[in-house]
Amino acid sequence: MTVVALAIAGGGAWAAGIGPFAKDQYCWGAWEQDSGPRLLGDDELGKSGSERTAEESAALSADSPEGVCTLRVTSSVPDDHGSSGAGTHGSEDDADDPDDAETTNTIEFKKTVKVGYGPVPASEKERLSWLEKFLDGSVGPLPDGVPGLVSRAKGMVVLPEECDVDGRPTVVTITGEETGDGHLGLVNLPVSIGSQGDVAQLLVAVANEGMRRTGCAAKGAAPLRVTSPVKPARERETGGVGSTATCGIRGFGFATVKGDHYDAQAGAVEDGVQLCTMTNTDSVRNPVAVGQFMMVAQPRLAALFQGLAGDRPPGPGWRGKGRLAGSYNIVQADCESGPTVFALRLDSAYLQQIAIPDAGGAFARAVNAVGDRIGCSDVAPRR
């Protein structure tokens, strides 16, 4: 796709083109300089040589309701540990020049924030990968009835049904990446797009502008708004993967033994959503996600699983429709709040083997425990 430059901050290019004091705008005009989130303010450009640029993959419209915008903030600082002595330029004349007596290298920093607008993937494999990325234990739900989940490093919002494309919900997603490039080479840094509130504001701004441009906003409907504080996921509630209550879910267990290294992170625990991620921590610096439990009862979040549960019960004694596949188990049942989805991913063959009493049984116990909590009992057989 053709990439179109949208705005360049700090260089005198005024994206809005309305007078000499117009503020820079980014990502289909949804984001404006100094509009609130730190990412768009002067503080983000605090380092030397900083600039903020953005580019779009396509213009959003009714005929083209899909696109990606990438915003980058680049800067540099002196690399005190990367200085080199005289003579590095390979010339005797250079050595006589006091300005070249010592060459000071720099560390180049780059923050990349990518926001996408469009329907969730059509293929089952890609949809499952998408769900695993945006519904993990690191995110918490948005308040004020906005169907979405955010952390400081990523997030997503599901748009109203009027914006569906071929029966698939349209979503706005945001992800971030930060790198530093100096004498140690390219290093990935901890990602922070901003506070959870900042990420929420960035998402709803693109959601509202996208709906306006594509013409899918419901007539008379109020724009999406997040005015209440956005609570983080339960980041401190982590623990091992155990035999009785992994992620705080009663009866959800695995027969781990001494020498196993697994952590479980309980993320959102609300009536409309409950999330849990299990990781293999054999490599402390590079933990690997190996399992994930998801419950969603919020209608637009549940719509993200449309078509994945099939059309028959997953097994004897189950209520609703779904399937038990060991590595991926899912059931959708009618509850008081409406269609509710429970899903368990187990990428690790070892976790599948040590699940109590087995992978399907562990899923059933998790479904019953969470179902009992939210008033949606008797979905799974009692095991």
Protein backbone atom coordinates (compact mmCIF):
# COMPACT_ATOMS: atom_id res chain seq x y z
CA MET A 1 0.00 0.00 0.00
CA THR A 2 1.11 3.52 -0.66
CA VAL A 3 2.28 5.25 2.50
CA VAL A 4 1.32 8.90 2.84
CA ALA A 5 3.16 11.23 5.22
CA LEU A 6 0.63 12.97 7.46
CA ALA A 7 2.51 15.33 9.76
CA ILE A 8 6.00 16.29 10.87
CA ALA A 9 6.30 18.10 14.17
CA GLY A 10 9.00 20.64 14.91
CA GLY A 11 9.77 21.40 11.28
CA GLY A 12 7.26 24.13 10.61
CA ALA A 13 4.82 21.88 8.72
CA TRP A 14 1.30 22.60 9.92
CA ALA A 15 -0.91 19.59 9.20
CA ALA A 16 -4.19 21.43 9.62
CA GLY A 17 -3.13 24.21 7.27
CA ILE A 18 -5.22 26.80 9.13
CA GLY A 19 -3.05 29.78 9.97
CA PRO A 20 0.46 29.93 11.38
CA PHE A 21 -0.53 28.73 14.87
CA ALA A 22 -2.48 25.60 13.94
CA LYS A 23 -1.49 22.51 15.89
CA ASP A 24 -0.08 19.39 14.24
CA GLN A 25 -2.52 16.56 13.68
CA TYR A 26 -1.84 12.86 13.23
CA CYS A 27 -3.60 9.63 12.23
CA TRP A 28 -6.53 10.77 10.08
CA GLY A 29 -6.74 13.95 12.16
CA ALA A 30 -7.81 12.03 15.28
CA TRP A 31 -4.78 13.04 17.36
CA GLU A 32 -3.74 16.64 17.88
CA GLN A 33 -0.58 18.11 19.35
CA ASP A 34 -0.94 18.98 23.06
CA SER A 35 -4.42 17.44 23.26
CA GLY A 36 -3.77 15.62 26.56
CA PRO A 37 -1.88 12.32 26.18
CA ARG A 38 1.84 12.63 26.91
CA LEU A 39 2.64 11.04 23.54
CA LEU A 40 1.31 14.18 21.81
CA GLY A 41 2.81 16.75 24.18
CA ASP A 42 6.08 18.66 24.44
CA ASP A 43 7.38 16.42 27.24
CA GLU A 44 7.64 13.55 24.76
CA LEU A 45 10.12 15.66 22.79
CA GLY A 46 12.34 16.42 25.78
CA LYS A 47 15.54 14.83 24.48
CA SER A 48 17.88 16.51 22.00
CA GLY A 49 17.11 16.30 18.32
CA SER A 50 13.61 15.02 19.01
CA GLU A 51 10.90 14.97 16.39
CA ARG A 52 7.48 13.42 16.02
CA THR A 53 6.30 12.08 12.66
CA ALA A 54 3.36 10.01 11.46
CA GLU A 55 2.30 8.21 8.32
CA GLU A 56 -0.89 6.50 7.20
CA SER A 57 -1.29 3.37 5.09
CA ALA A 58 -4.59 4.56 3.64
CA ALA A 59 -7.30 7.16 4.08
CA LEU A 60 -10.35 5.84 5.94
CA SER A 61 -13.66 6.03 4.09
CA ALA A 62 -16.89 4.10 3.61
CA ASP A 63 -15.29 2.30 0.67
CA SER A 64 -12.04 1.70 2.55
CA PRO A 65 -12.87 1.03 6.24
CA GLU A 66 -9.42 -0.26 7.13
CA GLY A 67 -6.04 1.37 7.69
CA VAL A 68 -2.93 1.67 9.83
CA CYS A 69 -1.22 4.79 11.13
CA THR A 70 2.30 4.74 12.57
CA LEU A 71 3.58 7.55 14.80
CA ARG A 72 7.27 7.76 15.65
CA VAL A 73 9.16 9.83 18.18
CA THR A 74 12.92 9.89 17.60
CA SER A 75 15.62 11.51 19.74
CA SER A 76 19.26 11.15 20.75
CA VAL A 77 21.48 11.67 23.82
CA PRO A 78 25.28 11.53 24.24
CA ASP A 79 26.60 8.02 24.83
CA ASP A 80 29.14 8.64 27.61
CA HIS A 81 30.25 5.02 27.56
CA GLY A 82 30.67 4.92 23.81
CA SER A 83 33.26 7.68 23.27
CA SER A 84 36.27 6.95 21.14
CA GLY A 85 39.69 8.61 21.30
CA ALA A 86 41.63 10.73 18.82
CA GLY A 87 42.61 9.30 15.48
CA THR A 88 39.36 7.49 14.84
CA HIS A 89 38.94 9.43 11.60
CA GLY A 90 42.18 7.96 10.23
CA SER A 91 43.90 11.29 9.40
CA GLU A 92 46.86 13.13 10.99
CA ASP A 93 45.21 16.42 10.06
CA ASP A 94 42.12 15.33 11.99
CA ALA A 95 44.23 14.72 15.08
CA ASP A 96 45.43 18.35 14.97
CA ASP A 97 41.84 19.62 15.02
CA PRO A 98 40.76 20.16 18.65
CA ASP A 99 37.13 19.64 17.64
CA ASP A 100 38.04 16.08 16.59
CA ALA A 101 40.26 15.24 19.56
CA GLU A 102 37.46 13.04 20.87
CA THR A 103 34.43 11.73 19.06
CA THR A 104 31.33 11.39 21.25
CA ASN A 105 28.86 8.83 20.03
CA THR A 106 25.15 9.08 20.65
CA ILE A 107 22.32 6.76 21.60
CA GLU A 108 19.42 7.01 19.21
CA PHE A 109 16.00 6.39 20.75
CA LYS A 110 12.88 5.52 18.79
CA LYS A 111 9.35 5.08 20.08
CA THR A 112 6.95 3.58 17.53
CA VAL A 113 3.21 3.62 18.17
CA LYS A 114 0.98 1.85 15.67
CA VAL A 115 -2.79 2.28 15.60
CA GLY A 116 -5.02 0.15 13.39
CA TYR A 117 -8.65 0.50 12.31
CA GLY A 118 -10.52 -2.39 10.73
CA PRO A 119 -12.30 -5.73 11.27
CA VAL A 120 -10.78 -8.57 13.26
CA PRO A 121 -9.11 -11.28 11.12
CA ALA A 122 -11.38 -13.60 9.18
CA SER A 123 -9.36 -16.84 9.46
CA GLU A 124 -9.62 -18.79 12.69
CA LYS A 125 -5.86 -19.09 13.14
CA GLU A 126 -5.28 -15.37 12.73
CA ARG A 127 -8.27 -14.51 14.93
CA LEU A 128 -7.00 -16.72 17.75
CA SER A 129 -3.56 -15.11 17.50
CA TRP A 130 -5.20 -11.69 17.64
CA LEU A 131 -7.25 -12.61 20.70
CA GLU A 132 -4.21 -13.98 22.50
CA LYS A 133 -2.40 -10.69 21.93
CA PHE A 134 -5.10 -8.27 23.03
CA LEU A 135 -6.92 -10.31 25.73
CA ASP A 136 -4.04 -11.35 27.96
CA GLY A 137 -3.36 -10.88 31.66
CA SER A 138 -1.67 -7.50 31.22
CA VAL A 139 -4.77 -5.51 30.23
CA GLY A 140 -7.66 -4.06 32.19
CA PRO A 141 -11.16 -3.08 31.04
CA LEU A 142 -12.17 0.42 30.03
CA PRO A 143 -14.79 2.18 32.17
CA ASP A 144 -17.94 4.10 31.20
CA GLY A 145 -19.37 1.25 29.14
CA VAL A 146 -16.69 1.47 26.45
CA PRO A 147 -15.97 -2.10 25.23
CA GLY A 148 -12.20 -2.30 25.31
CA LEU A 149 -9.06 -3.31 27.19
CA VAL A 150 -5.83 -1.38 27.75
CA SER A 151 -2.43 -1.44 29.37
CA ARG A 152 0.39 1.11 29.18
CA ALA A 153 1.80 -0.72 26.14
CA LYS A 154 -1.26 -1.72 24.09
CA GLY A 155 -5.02 -1.73 23.90
CA MET A 156 -8.13 -2.14 21.78
CA VAL A 157 -11.70 -0.87 21.48
CA VAL A 158 -14.57 -2.71 19.77
CA LEU A 159 -16.86 -0.48 17.70
CA PRO A 160 -20.68 -0.77 17.57
CA GLU A 161 -22.38 -3.43 15.48
CA GLU A 162 -23.16 -0.85 12.77
CA CYS A 163 -19.44 -0.86 11.95
CA ASP A 164 -19.17 -4.66 11.44
CA VAL A 165 -17.60 -5.81 8.17
CA ASP A 166 -18.89 -9.13 6.79
CA GLY A 167 -20.16 -10.02 10.23
CA ARG A 168 -16.83 -9.31 11.93
CA PRO A 169 -16.49 -6.56 14.55
CA THR A 170 -14.41 -3.53 13.62
CA VAL A 171 -11.79 -2.69 16.22
CA VAL A 172 -9.27 0.02 16.93
CA THR A 173 -5.97 -1.35 18.23
CA ILE A 174 -2.83 0.33 19.52
CA THR A 175 0.61 -1.16 20.17
CA GLY A 176 3.97 0.34 21.05
CA GLU A 177 7.65 -0.43 20.68
CA GLU A 178 10.73 1.36 22.03
CA THR A 179 14.37 0.83 21.06
CA GLY A 180 17.74 2.35 21.85
CA ASP A 181 20.67 2.10 19.42
CA GLY A 182 24.13 2.93 20.75
CA HIS A 183 27.51 1.29 21.35
CA LEU A 184 25.73 -1.87 22.59
CA GLY A 185 23.74 -2.14 19.38
CA LEU A 186 19.97 -2.15 19.01
CA VAL A 187 18.28 -2.83 22.37
CA ASN A 188 14.56 -3.27 23.01
CA LEU A 189 13.36 -1.09 25.88
CA PRO A 190 10.30 -1.37 28.17
CA VAL A 191 7.31 0.01 26.30
CA SER A 192 5.12 2.80 27.64
CA ILE A 193 2.79 4.55 25.22
CA GLY A 194 1.56 6.50 28.24
CA SER A 195 -0.70 5.95 31.22
CA GLN A 196 -3.71 3.67 30.89
CA GLY A 197 -5.81 6.83 30.66
CA ASP A 198 -3.60 8.16 27.86
CA VAL A 199 -3.96 4.92 25.90
CA ALA A 200 -7.74 5.02 26.35
CA GLN A 201 -7.94 8.60 25.06
CA LEU A 202 -5.78 7.78 22.03
CA LEU A 203 -8.01 4.80 21.20
CA VAL A 204 -11.39 6.53 21.51
CA ALA A 205 -10.14 9.51 19.48
CA VAL A 206 -9.31 7.23 16.54
CA ALA A 207 -12.53 5.26 17.07
CA ASN A 208 -14.72 8.37 16.87
CA GLU A 209 -12.86 9.83 13.89
CA GLY A 210 -12.85 6.48 12.12
CA MET A 211 -16.59 6.05 12.56
CA ARG A 212 -17.15 9.55 11.25
CA ARG A 213 -15.01 8.97 8.17
CA THR A 214 -16.43 5.54 7.35
CA GLY A 215 -20.00 6.62 8.06
CA CYS A 216 -20.82 3.79 10.48
CA ALA A 217 -21.64 5.80 13.58
CA ALA A 218 -25.21 5.10 14.67
CA LYS A 219 -27.50 8.05 13.97
CA GLY A 220 -27.91 10.14 17.10
CA ALA A 221 -25.44 8.05 19.10
CA ALA A 222 -23.07 9.88 21.43
CA PRO A 223 -19.34 9.60 20.68
CA LEU A 224 -17.34 7.13 22.74
CA ARG A 225 -16.03 8.80 25.89
CA VAL A 226 -13.79 7.68 28.75
CA THR A 227 -14.07 10.14 31.63
CA SER A 228 -13.66 7.85 34.65
CA PRO A 229 -10.22 6.75 35.89
CA VAL A 230 -8.84 3.76 33.97
CA LYS A 231 -7.69 1.10 36.42
CA PRO A 232 -4.66 -1.02 35.55
CA ALA A 233 -4.84 -4.80 35.37
CA ARG A 234 -4.10 -6.63 38.60
CA GLU A 235 -0.37 -6.54 37.82
CA ARG A 236 0.75 -7.40 41.33
CA GLU A 237 -1.46 -10.46 41.66
CA THR A 238 0.92 -12.99 40.20
CA GLY A 239 1.87 -16.41 41.42
CA GLY A 240 2.88 -19.84 40.35
CA VAL A 241 0.88 -22.30 38.30
CA GLY A 242 -0.34 -24.69 41.00
CA SER A 243 -2.67 -27.58 41.65
CA THR A 244 -5.61 -25.80 43.29
CA ALA A 245 -6.18 -22.19 42.18
CA THR A 246 -4.11 -20.95 39.25
CA CYS A 247 -4.75 -17.26 38.62
CA GLY A 248 -7.07 -17.29 41.64
CA ILE A 249 -9.58 -19.52 39.81
CA ARG A 250 -10.82 -22.17 42.22
CA GLY A 251 -10.07 -25.73 41.09
CA PHE A 252 -8.09 -24.66 38.03
CA GLY A 253 -4.90 -26.65 38.54
CA PHE A 254 -1.80 -28.26 37.09
CA ALA A 255 0.37 -30.96 38.69
CA THR A 256 3.64 -29.07 38.50
CA VAL A 257 6.75 -30.52 40.14
CA LYS A 258 9.96 -29.16 41.63
CA GLY A 259 12.05 -27.65 38.85
CA ASP A 260 9.09 -26.38 36.84
CA HIS A 261 9.12 -22.62 36.31
CA TYR A 262 5.70 -21.18 35.54
CA ASP A 263 4.04 -17.93 36.54
CA ALA A 264 0.38 -16.98 36.29
CA GLN A 265 -0.84 -13.41 35.98
CA ALA A 266 -4.44 -12.62 36.85
CA GLY A 267 -5.42 -9.61 34.80
CA ALA A 268 -8.95 -8.25 34.62
CA VAL A 269 -11.43 -9.85 37.05
CA GLU A 270 -14.79 -8.20 36.39
CA ASP A 271 -18.34 -9.36 35.70
CA GLY A 272 -17.85 -8.63 32.00
CA VAL A 273 -14.32 -9.97 31.56
CA GLN A 274 -11.79 -12.19 33.34
CA LEU A 275 -8.32 -12.84 31.95
CA CYS A 276 -5.35 -14.95 33.01
CA THR A 277 -1.97 -15.57 31.36
CA MET A 278 0.48 -18.36 32.18
CA THR A 279 4.15 -18.05 31.25
CA ASN A 280 7.18 -20.34 31.20
CA THR A 281 9.93 -18.51 33.10
CA ASP A 282 12.84 -20.87 32.45
CA SER A 283 14.45 -17.83 30.84
CA VAL A 284 13.85 -15.01 33.33
CA ARG A 285 14.74 -12.36 30.76
CA ASN A 286 12.54 -13.86 28.08
CA PRO A 287 9.42 -15.48 29.59
CA VAL A 288 7.24 -17.28 27.07
CA ALA A 289 3.42 -17.19 27.19
CA VAL A 290 2.17 -20.80 27.23
CA GLY A 291 -1.43 -20.56 28.38
CA GLN A 292 -4.36 -18.20 28.63
CA PHE A 293 -7.85 -18.27 30.14
CA MET A 294 -10.49 -15.81 28.92
CA MET A 295 -14.06 -15.10 29.95
CA VAL A 296 -16.00 -12.32 28.24
CA ALA A 297 -19.62 -11.44 28.88
CA GLN A 298 -19.62 -7.84 27.63
CA PRO A 299 -21.60 -8.13 24.37
CA ARG A 300 -19.14 -6.43 22.02
CA LEU A 301 -16.16 -8.27 23.53
CA ALA A 302 -18.04 -11.56 23.16
CA ALA A 303 -18.63 -10.70 19.49
CA LEU A 304 -14.86 -10.98 18.95
CA PHE A 305 -15.27 -14.78 19.25
CA GLN A 306 -18.07 -14.94 16.67
CA GLY A 307 -17.85 -18.20 14.70
CA LEU A 308 -15.15 -19.81 16.84
CA ALA A 309 -17.38 -21.94 19.09
CA GLY A 310 -19.06 -23.95 16.34
CA ASP A 311 -22.69 -25.06 16.49
CA ARG A 312 -22.80 -28.03 18.88
CA PRO A 313 -22.06 -28.74 22.56
CA PRO A 314 -18.37 -29.40 23.29
CA GLY A 315 -19.19 -32.67 25.05
CA PRO A 316 -21.65 -34.55 27.30
CA GLY A 317 -22.96 -32.47 30.17
CA TRP A 318 -21.98 -29.13 28.64
CA ARG A 319 -24.46 -26.34 28.08
CA GLY A 320 -24.06 -24.12 25.04
CA LYS A 321 -21.83 -24.70 22.03
CA GLY A 322 -18.08 -25.12 21.72
CA ARG A 323 -15.23 -27.55 21.33
CA LEU A 324 -12.53 -29.23 23.41
CA ALA A 325 -9.27 -29.57 21.50
CA GLY A 326 -6.68 -29.73 24.29
CA SER A 327 -4.61 -26.87 22.95
CA TYR A 328 -7.69 -24.68 22.50
CA ASN A 329 -10.98 -25.12 24.36
CA ILE A 330 -14.00 -22.84 24.00
CA VAL A 331 -17.65 -22.73 25.01
CA GLN A 332 -20.31 -20.08 24.49
CA ALA A 333 -23.40 -20.20 26.66
CA ASP A 334 -26.41 -17.98 27.31
CA CYS A 335 -26.21 -16.28 30.68
CA GLU A 336 -28.29 -13.58 32.36
CA SER A 337 -26.09 -10.90 30.81
CA GLY A 338 -26.31 -12.50 27.36
CA PRO A 339 -23.94 -14.73 25.34
CA THR A 340 -20.84 -15.44 27.43
CA VAL A 341 -17.63 -16.96 26.09
CA PHE A 342 -15.12 -19.03 28.07
CA ALA A 343 -11.86 -20.06 26.38
CA LEU A 344 -8.63 -21.77 27.41
CA ARG A 345 -5.47 -21.86 25.31
CA LEU A 346 -2.68 -24.28 26.29
CA ASP A 347 0.25 -23.96 23.88
CA SER A 348 2.46 -26.11 26.09
CA ALA A 349 2.07 -29.86 25.53
CA TYR A 350 3.47 -30.32 29.05
CA LEU A 351 0.72 -28.18 30.61
CA GLN A 352 -1.86 -30.18 28.66
CA GLN A 353 -0.41 -33.39 30.13
CA ILE A 354 -0.31 -32.17 33.74
CA ALA A 355 -3.70 -30.39 33.74
CA ILE A 356 -5.96 -31.70 36.52
CA PRO A 357 -7.74 -34.00 35.83
CA ASP A 358 -6.92 -33.42 32.15
CA ALA A 359 -7.04 -30.45 29.74
CA GLY A 360 -10.80 -30.69 29.23
CA GLY A 361 -11.42 -31.22 32.93
CA ALA A 362 -9.25 -28.26 33.93
CA PHE A 363 -11.20 -26.10 31.49
CA ALA A 364 -14.51 -27.35 32.91
CA ARG A 365 -13.42 -26.51 36.45
CA ALA A 366 -12.32 -23.02 35.41
CA VAL A 367 -15.61 -22.44 33.56
CA ASN A 368 -17.66 -23.54 36.57
CA ALA A 369 -15.66 -21.44 39.05
CA VAL A 370 -15.86 -18.27 36.97
CA GLY A 371 -19.44 -19.02 35.91
CA ASP A 372 -20.48 -19.36 39.55
CA ARG A 373 -18.83 -16.00 40.31
CA ILE A 374 -20.74 -14.13 37.60
CA GLY A 375 -24.07 -15.92 38.11
CA CYS A 376 -23.81 -18.22 35.10
CA SER A 377 -23.86 -21.69 36.61
CA ASP A 378 -24.09 -25.19 35.13
CA VAL A 379 -22.21 -24.45 31.90
CA ALA A 380 -19.76 -27.36 32.31
CA PRO A 381 -20.11 -30.82 33.86
CA ARG A 382 -18.84 -30.96 37.43
CA ARG A 383 -15.53 -32.83 37.47
